[in-house]
Structures are given as C-alpha cells and as structure tokens.
Amino acid sequence: MLAGGPRFDQIRSNVSIQAFLTGAGPAVIGAIAGSTIPLGLAFQVAWQIPVLAGALVWLFVVRRGVVSALVLAAAVGIVVALSGLSV
C-alpha cells in the first residue's frame, strides 16, 4: 500500500480501474449481505446476539469504524469467555 501511494491518483483516474471498482463495490456488498443469514444462524450462545446488535449500533448509529467495532466485539467475547458465561 505504501509503495503504491505516490501513484494512487494515477491509478484512480484509470478508466479500467474505475470500471472494476464500480462493479466490485456492489459485488462485495452482495457477498456480505448474502453471508449474514448463514452466519446469524450459526450463533451458538445467546450472548453473541447482543454483541452483534452492539456492533450494528456502533457502525450505523454512532458511525464509527469497522476496526474499532471488531476490537470491541473481541474484547466483549474475551471477557465473556473468561467469565465462564460462554457455556
């Protein structure tokens, strides 16, 4: 990423790259949306549902970043696992 930084504007102005990104964005959104149902059905313990709800609020209401949502969800998961509630 750092090596391509100086050429970023040149890459973004490329018509072929723009066409790829125009199609790739909706494809990624569709893949993520399509995976939500199987992942949601894979919940094994009840505390995972409030963690997911909290992540959704964090991302869409508070409008914070994905990385911080993942870190917070991981922290909650670790605390719950260490407390013995994951059984």
Protein backbone atom coordinates (compact mmCIF):
# COMPACT_ATOMS: atom_id res chain seq x y z
CA MET A 1 0.00 0.00 0.00
CA LEU A 2 2.77 2.42 0.87
CA ALA A 3 4.68 1.61 -2.31
CA GLY A 4 1.66 2.43 -4.48
CA GLY A 5 0.80 5.62 -2.61
CA PRO A 6 2.54 8.02 -4.99
CA ARG A 7 0.68 6.50 -7.95
CA PHE A 8 -2.74 6.48 -6.27
CA ASP A 9 -4.15 9.42 -8.23
CA GLN A 10 -2.89 7.94 -11.48
CA ILE A 11 -4.49 4.59 -10.67
CA ARG A 12 -7.82 6.18 -9.67
CA SER A 13 -8.03 8.14 -12.90
CA ASN A 14 -7.62 4.98 -14.98
CA VAL A 15 -10.92 4.17 -16.73
CA SER A 16 -10.41 0.40 -16.45
CA ILE A 17 -9.78 0.65 -12.70
CA GLN A 18 -12.87 2.83 -12.27
CA ALA A 19 -14.98 0.27 -14.15
CA PHE A 20 -13.63 -2.53 -11.95
CA LEU A 21 -14.33 -0.61 -8.73
CA THR A 22 -17.83 0.30 -9.95
CA GLY A 23 -18.65 -3.40 -10.25
CA ALA A 24 -16.62 -4.65 -7.31
CA GLY A 25 -18.36 -2.45 -4.73
CA PRO A 26 -21.88 -3.87 -5.21
CA ALA A 27 -20.46 -7.38 -5.54
CA VAL A 28 -18.78 -7.11 -2.15
CA ILE A 29 -21.92 -5.67 -0.55
CA GLY A 30 -23.94 -8.54 -2.03
CA ALA A 31 -21.47 -11.12 -0.74
CA ILE A 32 -21.55 -9.65 2.75
CA ALA A 33 -25.36 -9.42 2.74
CA GLY A 34 -25.63 -12.98 1.45
CA SER A 35 -23.43 -14.33 4.23
CA THR A 36 -25.39 -12.68 7.05
CA ILE A 37 -28.15 -15.30 7.21
CA PRO A 38 -25.88 -18.37 7.49
CA LEU A 39 -23.65 -16.55 9.97
CA GLY A 40 -26.64 -15.40 12.00
CA LEU A 41 -27.98 -18.95 12.16
CA ALA A 42 -24.58 -20.17 13.38
CA PHE A 43 -24.85 -18.39 16.73
CA GLN A 44 -24.18 -20.94 19.43
CA VAL A 45 -24.75 -18.94 22.59
CA ALA A 46 -27.19 -16.16 23.41
CA TRP A 47 -24.62 -13.51 24.35
CA GLN A 48 -23.47 -13.31 20.73
CA ILE A 49 -26.73 -11.65 19.67
CA PRO A 50 -26.31 -8.53 21.89
CA VAL A 51 -22.68 -8.27 20.73
CA LEU A 52 -23.88 -8.23 17.13
CA ALA A 53 -26.57 -5.69 17.96
CA GLY A 54 -23.99 -3.51 19.70
CA ALA A 55 -21.71 -3.73 16.67
CA LEU A 56 -24.57 -2.68 14.39
CA VAL A 57 -25.32 0.32 16.60
CA TRP A 58 -21.61 1.17 16.74
CA LEU A 59 -21.31 1.05 12.95
CA PHE A 60 -24.60 2.56 11.77
CA VAL A 61 -25.84 4.83 14.58
CA VAL A 62 -22.62 6.03 16.19
CA ARG A 63 -20.91 5.83 12.76
CA ARG A 64 -17.57 4.53 13.99
CA GLY A 65 -15.08 2.37 12.15
CA VAL A 66 -15.07 -1.32 11.43
CA VAL A 67 -11.73 -1.92 13.14
CA SER A 68 -12.90 -0.40 16.42
CA ALA A 69 -16.13 -2.46 16.19
CA LEU A 70 -14.12 -5.64 15.75
CA VAL A 71 -11.80 -4.77 18.62
CA LEU A 72 -14.72 -4.01 20.94
CA ALA A 73 -16.59 -7.19 19.94
CA ALA A 74 -13.43 -9.23 20.50
CA ALA A 75 -12.94 -7.62 23.92
CA VAL A 76 -16.52 -8.47 24.92
CA GLY A 77 -16.03 -12.02 23.68
CA ILE A 78 -12.83 -12.41 25.69
CA VAL A 79 -14.46 -11.06 28.84
CA VAL A 80 -17.44 -13.37 28.44
CA ALA A 81 -15.22 -16.38 27.71
CA LEU A 82 -13.04 -15.70 30.74
CA SER A 83 -16.07 -15.22 32.98
CA GLY A 84 -17.36 -18.67 32.08
CA LEU A 85 -20.66 -17.46 30.56
CA SER A 86 -19.88 -18.97 27.16
CA VAL A 87 -21.11 -22.42 28.14
